Amino acid sequence: MNTTEESLTSLMDSSEATQYSTKYWYTSLLTMYFVISLCVVAGNTLTAIAYFTTPHLQTLQNLVICNLSLADAIIAVLSKPFFALSYTEAGIVFGARHKWVCLVSLWAVMGSGLCGILCVFVLSLERLLAIIFPFRYYTWVTDNSVRAMIVFVWAFAFTLTAFPLMGLNTWTHGARCFTMFVYTPTYNVYVATNLNVLILVAMALMNITIAVVAVKQNKVNIIQSGSTQNTGQYKVTKMLLTVIGVFYLCWIPYIVLTAIFTMTKHLPEWFALLQDLSKLLIGMNSVLNPLIYARGNEKFRAAFARLLRRAPRVSSEV
């Protein structure tokens, strides 16, 4: 037994040692996670740069998209300490011995995750107002109101998830750095689970409404204009509904499996494997978003192409 394994075993009795030790899939999981993280940061940073360096992309709709891209990139960065503390032997020992390291890493990943979900909620809300209230849209959705909403979302997410730092935790020496072991059951149920479910249900209702109304409006526009071409608003709505759909496909497995994992004490090892793999789906969601923007928005596609070709173009001119 090496030093790390001895330290790990010394933190708990022999009956718990197996539960707290690393699993055979951890190395592969970490490798896939870091590859996905690099793709997430690269793609979403490119989206943010495209927004800030392309004047005709700087609309309120695209500001909301840029906000989501920044949230995706930040999730990828802030989740790294959590993965290091949770999926390596040295990290497990370190997190089990150092309370604040564990709590801060969980706060970073929980806060950024909730912020990401709320950013998608804001995206849905913006489209709902544009589709349902087109005549009041520009009165309600202003530069100041959008920026205020973005600031509120970030502040709310990181404040709400900071409660365990303020004492709402059950951390003890030797505890595995997972929310189910260091957060109170009340916090896990009502904040980590129920709040996410409520947001997802609200978004589902909003996006079903958006889809139904958008299809009806597009049919009316086609009949009135005699053209089969989609209107600009319809194209934007179609792209953002694709973003929402992919979001649900990638997040639902994680939320469901994590809820079961948190509320059930004894589960088979294969379930833990599934729950860990579901975390990679969240990363894939953030990888796919920039591709959806490029496919659904010609201006984003052109901006991406310009940025990716910039270095060769500059060198050739010199």
Protein backbone atom coordinates (compact mmCIF):
# COMPACT_ATOMS: atom_id res chain seq x y z
CA MET A 1 0.00 0.00 0.00
CA ASN A 2 1.48 3.37 -1.00
CA THR A 3 1.53 6.52 1.17
CA THR A 4 -1.60 7.99 -0.39
CA GLU A 5 -3.60 4.79 0.12
CA GLU A 6 -2.38 4.56 3.74
CA SER A 7 -3.47 8.16 4.34
CA LEU A 8 -6.83 7.47 2.77
CA THR A 9 -7.45 4.36 4.84
CA SER A 10 -6.34 6.11 8.04
CA LEU A 11 -9.11 8.68 7.57
CA MET A 12 -11.83 6.09 8.00
CA ASP A 13 -12.42 2.60 9.30
CA SER A 14 -11.91 -0.45 7.10
CA SER A 15 -15.62 -0.80 6.31
CA GLU A 16 -15.62 2.63 4.65
CA ALA A 17 -12.24 2.35 2.90
CA THR A 18 -13.68 0.75 -0.23
CA GLN A 19 -16.44 3.34 -0.52
CA TYR A 20 -13.97 6.22 -0.29
CA SER A 21 -11.25 4.78 -2.53
CA THR A 22 -10.86 5.61 -6.19
CA LYS A 23 -12.77 3.56 -8.77
CA TYR A 24 -11.33 1.83 -11.81
CA TRP A 25 -12.95 4.33 -14.19
CA TYR A 26 -11.58 7.48 -12.54
CA THR A 27 -8.48 7.80 -14.73
CA SER A 28 -10.51 7.51 -17.94
CA LEU A 29 -13.13 9.89 -16.55
CA LEU A 30 -10.51 12.53 -15.73
CA THR A 31 -8.90 12.19 -19.15
CA MET A 32 -12.22 12.65 -20.94
CA TYR A 33 -13.15 15.51 -18.63
CA PHE A 34 -9.98 17.50 -19.30
CA VAL A 35 -10.26 17.00 -23.07
CA ILE A 36 -13.89 18.17 -22.96
CA SER A 37 -12.94 21.12 -20.73
CA LEU A 38 -10.34 22.32 -23.22
CA CYS A 39 -12.92 22.17 -26.01
CA VAL A 40 -15.47 24.01 -23.85
CA VAL A 41 -13.08 26.83 -22.98
CA ALA A 42 -11.84 27.16 -26.56
CA GLY A 43 -15.28 27.15 -28.21
CA ASN A 44 -17.03 29.43 -25.75
CA THR A 45 -14.12 31.86 -25.48
CA LEU A 46 -14.24 32.11 -29.27
CA THR A 47 -17.96 32.93 -29.02
CA ALA A 48 -17.33 35.67 -26.46
CA ILE A 49 -14.48 37.16 -28.50
CA ALA A 50 -16.68 37.09 -31.61
CA TYR A 51 -19.36 39.04 -29.76
CA PHE A 52 -17.01 41.68 -28.32
CA THR A 53 -15.03 42.22 -31.56
CA THR A 54 -17.91 42.19 -34.06
CA PRO A 55 -20.13 45.30 -33.84
CA HIS A 56 -23.07 43.84 -35.79
CA LEU A 57 -23.18 40.89 -33.38
CA GLN A 58 -23.63 43.16 -30.36
CA THR A 59 -27.41 42.85 -30.05
CA LEU A 60 -29.35 42.13 -26.87
CA GLN A 61 -30.13 38.62 -28.11
CA ASN A 62 -26.45 37.92 -28.66
CA LEU A 63 -25.54 39.51 -25.31
CA VAL A 64 -27.61 36.77 -23.66
CA ILE A 65 -25.83 34.17 -25.80
CA CYS A 66 -22.44 35.66 -24.88
CA ASN A 67 -23.40 35.49 -21.21
CA LEU A 68 -24.21 31.78 -21.57
CA SER A 69 -20.89 31.20 -23.34
CA LEU A 70 -18.98 32.88 -20.53
CA ALA A 71 -20.91 30.79 -17.99
CA ASP A 72 -20.05 27.59 -19.90
CA ALA A 73 -16.35 28.50 -19.99
CA ILE A 74 -16.32 29.43 -16.30
CA ILE A 75 -18.04 26.15 -15.34
CA ALA A 76 -15.28 24.26 -17.16
CA VAL A 77 -12.57 26.20 -15.31
CA LEU A 78 -14.11 26.23 -11.82
CA SER A 79 -15.03 22.53 -11.88
CA LYS A 80 -11.39 21.46 -12.24
CA PRO A 81 -10.55 21.68 -8.50
CA PHE A 82 -13.66 19.63 -7.68
CA PHE A 83 -12.67 16.88 -10.11
CA ALA A 84 -9.12 16.87 -8.73
CA LEU A 85 -10.42 16.55 -5.16
CA SER A 86 -13.00 13.91 -6.02
CA TYR A 87 -11.38 11.62 -8.58
CA THR A 88 -7.72 11.29 -7.56
CA GLU A 89 -6.35 9.51 -4.50
CA ALA A 90 -4.30 12.52 -3.42
CA GLY A 91 -7.28 14.82 -3.96
CA ILE A 92 -9.62 12.63 -1.91
CA VAL A 93 -7.17 12.65 1.00
CA PHE A 94 -6.60 16.40 0.74
CA GLY A 95 -10.32 17.22 0.56
CA ALA A 96 -11.10 14.88 3.45
CA ARG A 97 -8.55 16.68 5.64
CA HIS A 98 -9.12 20.30 4.67
CA LYS A 99 -12.64 21.56 5.24
CA TRP A 100 -12.42 24.90 3.45
CA VAL A 101 -10.70 23.47 0.40
CA CYS A 102 -13.57 21.03 0.01
CA LEU A 103 -16.32 23.58 0.68
CA VAL A 104 -14.87 26.23 -1.63
CA SER A 105 -14.41 23.73 -4.48
CA LEU A 106 -18.02 22.60 -4.08
CA TRP A 107 -19.20 26.22 -3.96
CA ALA A 108 -17.33 26.96 -7.19
CA VAL A 109 -18.83 24.04 -9.08
CA MET A 110 -22.34 24.36 -7.61
CA GLY A 111 -22.42 28.13 -8.10
CA SER A 112 -21.20 28.03 -11.68
CA GLY A 113 -23.55 25.13 -12.46
CA LEU A 114 -26.61 26.95 -11.10
CA CYS A 115 -25.49 30.08 -12.94
CA GLY A 116 -25.32 28.09 -16.19
CA ILE A 117 -28.87 26.81 -15.72
CA LEU A 118 -30.14 30.31 -14.93
CA CYS A 119 -28.38 31.71 -18.01
CA VAL A 120 -30.33 29.23 -20.14
CA PHE A 121 -33.47 30.35 -18.28
CA VAL A 122 -32.72 33.98 -19.24
CA LEU A 123 -32.23 32.85 -22.84
CA SER A 124 -35.69 31.24 -22.76
CA LEU A 125 -37.25 34.29 -21.12
CA GLU A 126 -35.83 36.63 -23.78
CA ARG A 127 -37.31 34.50 -26.58
CA LEU A 128 -40.65 34.21 -24.77
CA LEU A 129 -40.96 37.98 -24.56
CA ALA A 130 -39.91 38.39 -28.20
CA ILE A 131 -42.47 35.85 -29.43
CA ILE A 132 -45.42 36.50 -27.11
CA PHE A 133 -45.07 40.27 -26.63
CA PRO A 134 -43.43 41.57 -29.83
CA PHE A 135 -44.81 45.10 -29.43
CA ARG A 136 -43.65 45.46 -25.83
CA TYR A 137 -40.38 43.59 -26.33
CA TYR A 138 -38.21 46.65 -26.95
CA THR A 139 -39.79 48.44 -23.99
CA TRP A 140 -39.11 45.61 -21.57
CA VAL A 141 -35.91 44.17 -23.04
CA THR A 142 -33.47 47.06 -22.94
CA ASP A 143 -29.72 47.20 -22.57
CA ASN A 144 -30.08 48.16 -18.90
CA SER A 145 -32.68 45.49 -18.09
CA VAL A 146 -30.68 42.71 -19.76
CA ARG A 147 -27.46 43.71 -18.02
CA ALA A 148 -29.28 43.98 -14.69
CA MET A 149 -30.75 40.50 -15.17
CA ILE A 150 -27.32 39.07 -15.98
CA VAL A 151 -25.78 40.64 -12.86
CA PHE A 152 -28.68 39.36 -10.74
CA VAL A 153 -28.32 35.81 -12.09
CA TRP A 154 -24.61 35.61 -11.28
CA ALA A 155 -25.04 37.20 -7.84
CA PHE A 156 -28.03 35.00 -6.97
CA ALA A 157 -26.34 31.76 -8.07
CA PHE A 158 -23.11 32.29 -6.16
CA THR A 159 -24.87 33.72 -3.09
CA LEU A 160 -27.38 30.89 -2.78
CA THR A 161 -24.70 28.23 -3.18
CA ALA A 162 -22.51 29.98 -0.58
CA PHE A 163 -24.80 29.02 2.33
CA PRO A 164 -22.79 25.86 3.12
CA LEU A 165 -19.73 28.11 3.50
CA MET A 166 -21.65 30.06 6.14
CA GLY A 167 -22.27 27.00 8.30
CA LEU A 168 -24.98 25.04 6.50
CA ASN A 169 -22.79 21.96 6.13
CA THR A 170 -22.09 18.65 7.83
CA TRP A 171 -18.40 18.34 6.92
CA THR A 172 -16.39 16.12 9.24
CA HIS A 173 -12.78 15.01 9.10
CA GLY A 174 -12.55 12.14 6.62
CA ALA A 175 -15.72 13.02 4.70
CA ARG A 176 -15.64 12.50 0.93
CA CYS A 177 -15.92 15.86 -0.83
CA PHE A 178 -19.36 15.29 -2.38
CA THR A 179 -22.48 17.30 -1.56
CA MET A 180 -24.25 14.21 -0.21
CA PHE A 181 -21.55 13.88 2.47
CA VAL A 182 -20.86 17.52 3.40
CA TYR A 183 -24.14 19.40 2.73
CA THR A 184 -27.21 19.13 4.95
CA PRO A 185 -30.07 16.98 3.59
CA THR A 186 -32.38 20.01 3.66
CA TYR A 187 -30.01 22.02 1.47
CA ASN A 188 -29.48 19.11 -0.91
CA VAL A 189 -33.22 18.55 -1.35
CA TYR A 190 -34.55 22.10 -1.49
CA VAL A 191 -31.67 23.94 -3.17
CA ALA A 192 -29.53 21.45 -5.06
CA THR A 193 -32.47 19.37 -6.33
CA ASN A 194 -35.89 21.02 -6.05
CA LEU A 195 -34.74 24.44 -7.25
CA ASN A 196 -33.15 22.91 -10.34
CA VAL A 197 -36.32 20.92 -11.04
CA LEU A 198 -38.51 24.03 -10.71
CA ILE A 199 -36.28 25.96 -13.11
CA LEU A 200 -36.31 23.10 -15.61
CA VAL A 201 -40.11 22.77 -15.45
CA ALA A 202 -40.55 26.53 -15.91
CA MET A 203 -38.17 26.49 -18.88
CA ALA A 204 -39.99 23.52 -20.40
CA LEU A 205 -43.32 25.34 -20.22
CA MET A 206 -41.79 28.51 -21.67
CA ASN A 207 -40.13 26.72 -24.56
CA ILE A 208 -43.20 24.65 -25.43
CA THR A 209 -45.11 27.94 -25.62
CA ILE A 210 -42.34 29.53 -27.70
CA ALA A 211 -42.26 26.61 -30.14
CA VAL A 212 -46.04 26.51 -30.64
CA VAL A 213 -46.39 30.27 -31.13
CA ALA A 214 -43.30 30.54 -33.35
CA VAL A 215 -44.54 27.81 -35.70
CA LYS A 216 -47.96 29.45 -35.96
CA GLN A 217 -46.46 32.87 -36.62
CA ASN A 218 -44.12 31.49 -39.26
CA LYS A 219 -47.02 29.82 -41.09
CA VAL A 220 -48.93 33.13 -41.09
CA ASN A 221 -45.87 34.96 -42.43
CA ILE A 222 -45.44 32.41 -45.22
CA ILE A 223 -49.11 32.71 -46.23
CA GLN A 224 -49.04 36.51 -46.19
CA SER A 225 -45.72 36.94 -47.99
CA GLY A 226 -45.99 33.93 -50.27
CA SER A 227 -42.42 33.01 -49.38
CA THR A 228 -41.16 29.74 -47.94
CA GLN A 229 -38.11 31.46 -46.42
CA ASN A 230 -37.97 31.63 -42.64
CA THR A 231 -38.10 35.10 -41.12
CA GLY A 232 -35.12 36.37 -39.14
CA GLN A 233 -36.93 36.05 -35.82
CA TYR A 234 -37.99 32.51 -36.62
CA LYS A 235 -34.40 31.52 -37.44
CA VAL A 236 -33.17 32.97 -34.15
CA THR A 237 -35.94 31.21 -32.25
CA LYS A 238 -35.21 27.92 -34.00
CA MET A 239 -31.52 28.16 -33.10
CA LEU A 240 -32.22 28.97 -29.45
CA LEU A 241 -34.78 26.17 -29.17
CA THR A 242 -32.05 23.84 -30.42
CA VAL A 243 -29.78 25.14 -27.65
CA ILE A 244 -32.52 24.48 -25.08
CA GLY A 245 -33.24 21.01 -26.45
CA VAL A 246 -29.59 19.98 -26.28
CA PHE A 247 -29.40 21.45 -22.77
CA TYR A 248 -32.23 19.20 -21.59
CA LEU A 249 -30.74 16.11 -23.22
CA CYS A 250 -27.42 16.72 -21.48
CA TRP A 251 -28.57 17.93 -18.05
CA ILE A 252 -31.61 15.76 -17.27
CA PRO A 253 -29.61 12.50 -16.83
CA TYR A 254 -27.22 14.20 -14.39
CA ILE A 255 -29.98 15.86 -12.34
CA VAL A 256 -32.06 12.68 -12.09
CA LEU A 257 -29.12 10.40 -11.27
CA THR A 258 -27.68 12.89 -8.76
CA ALA A 259 -31.04 13.23 -7.00
CA ILE A 260 -31.25 9.44 -6.64
CA PHE A 261 -27.59 9.24 -5.62
CA THR A 262 -28.06 11.93 -2.96
CA MET A 263 -31.22 10.48 -1.41
CA THR A 264 -30.23 6.78 -1.50
CA LYS A 265 -27.58 5.40 0.83
CA HIS A 266 -26.72 2.09 -0.80
CA LEU A 267 -26.44 1.88 -4.59
CA PRO A 268 -24.55 -0.56 -6.83
CA GLU A 269 -21.21 0.44 -8.30
CA TRP A 270 -22.58 0.62 -11.85
CA PHE A 271 -24.96 3.37 -10.73
CA ALA A 272 -22.02 5.43 -9.45
CA LEU A 273 -20.36 4.93 -12.84
CA LEU A 274 -23.47 6.19 -14.65
CA GLN A 275 -23.71 9.20 -12.36
CA ASP A 276 -20.08 10.09 -12.99
CA LEU A 277 -20.46 9.69 -16.76
CA SER A 278 -23.51 11.96 -16.71
CA LYS A 279 -21.20 14.79 -15.60
CA LEU A 280 -19.41 14.48 -18.94
CA LEU A 281 -22.71 15.09 -20.72
CA ILE A 282 -22.88 18.52 -19.10
CA GLY A 283 -19.48 19.27 -20.56
CA MET A 284 -20.59 18.05 -23.98
CA ASN A 285 -23.54 20.44 -23.78
CA SER A 286 -21.10 23.33 -23.48
CA VAL A 287 -19.01 21.94 -26.36
CA LEU A 288 -22.03 21.77 -28.66
CA ASN A 289 -23.39 25.27 -27.97
CA PRO A 290 -20.83 27.19 -30.09
CA LEU A 291 -21.41 24.70 -32.92
CA ILE A 292 -25.15 25.40 -32.70
CA TYR A 293 -24.50 29.15 -32.85
CA ALA A 294 -22.29 28.71 -35.91
CA ARG A 295 -24.81 26.49 -37.67
CA GLY A 296 -27.85 28.62 -36.87
CA ASN A 297 -26.47 32.14 -37.19
CA GLU A 298 -24.60 33.27 -40.32
CA LYS A 299 -23.11 36.27 -38.51
CA PHE A 300 -21.61 34.10 -35.78
CA ARG A 301 -20.34 31.67 -38.42
CA ALA A 302 -18.65 34.49 -40.33
CA ALA A 303 -17.15 35.92 -37.13
CA PHE A 304 -15.77 32.51 -36.12
CA ALA A 305 -14.22 32.06 -39.56
CA ARG A 306 -12.69 35.54 -39.42
CA LEU A 307 -11.18 34.95 -35.98
CA LEU A 308 -9.81 31.52 -36.88
CA ARG A 309 -8.22 32.88 -40.06
CA ARG A 310 -6.93 36.08 -38.49
CA ALA A 311 -3.40 34.92 -37.65
CA PRO A 312 -2.60 33.50 -41.13
CA ARG A 313 -4.14 36.57 -42.76
CA VAL A 314 -2.05 38.98 -40.68
CA SER A 315 1.14 37.07 -41.37
CA SER A 316 0.49 37.05 -45.11
CA GLU A 317 -0.08 40.82 -45.16
CA VAL A 318 3.16 41.41 -43.29
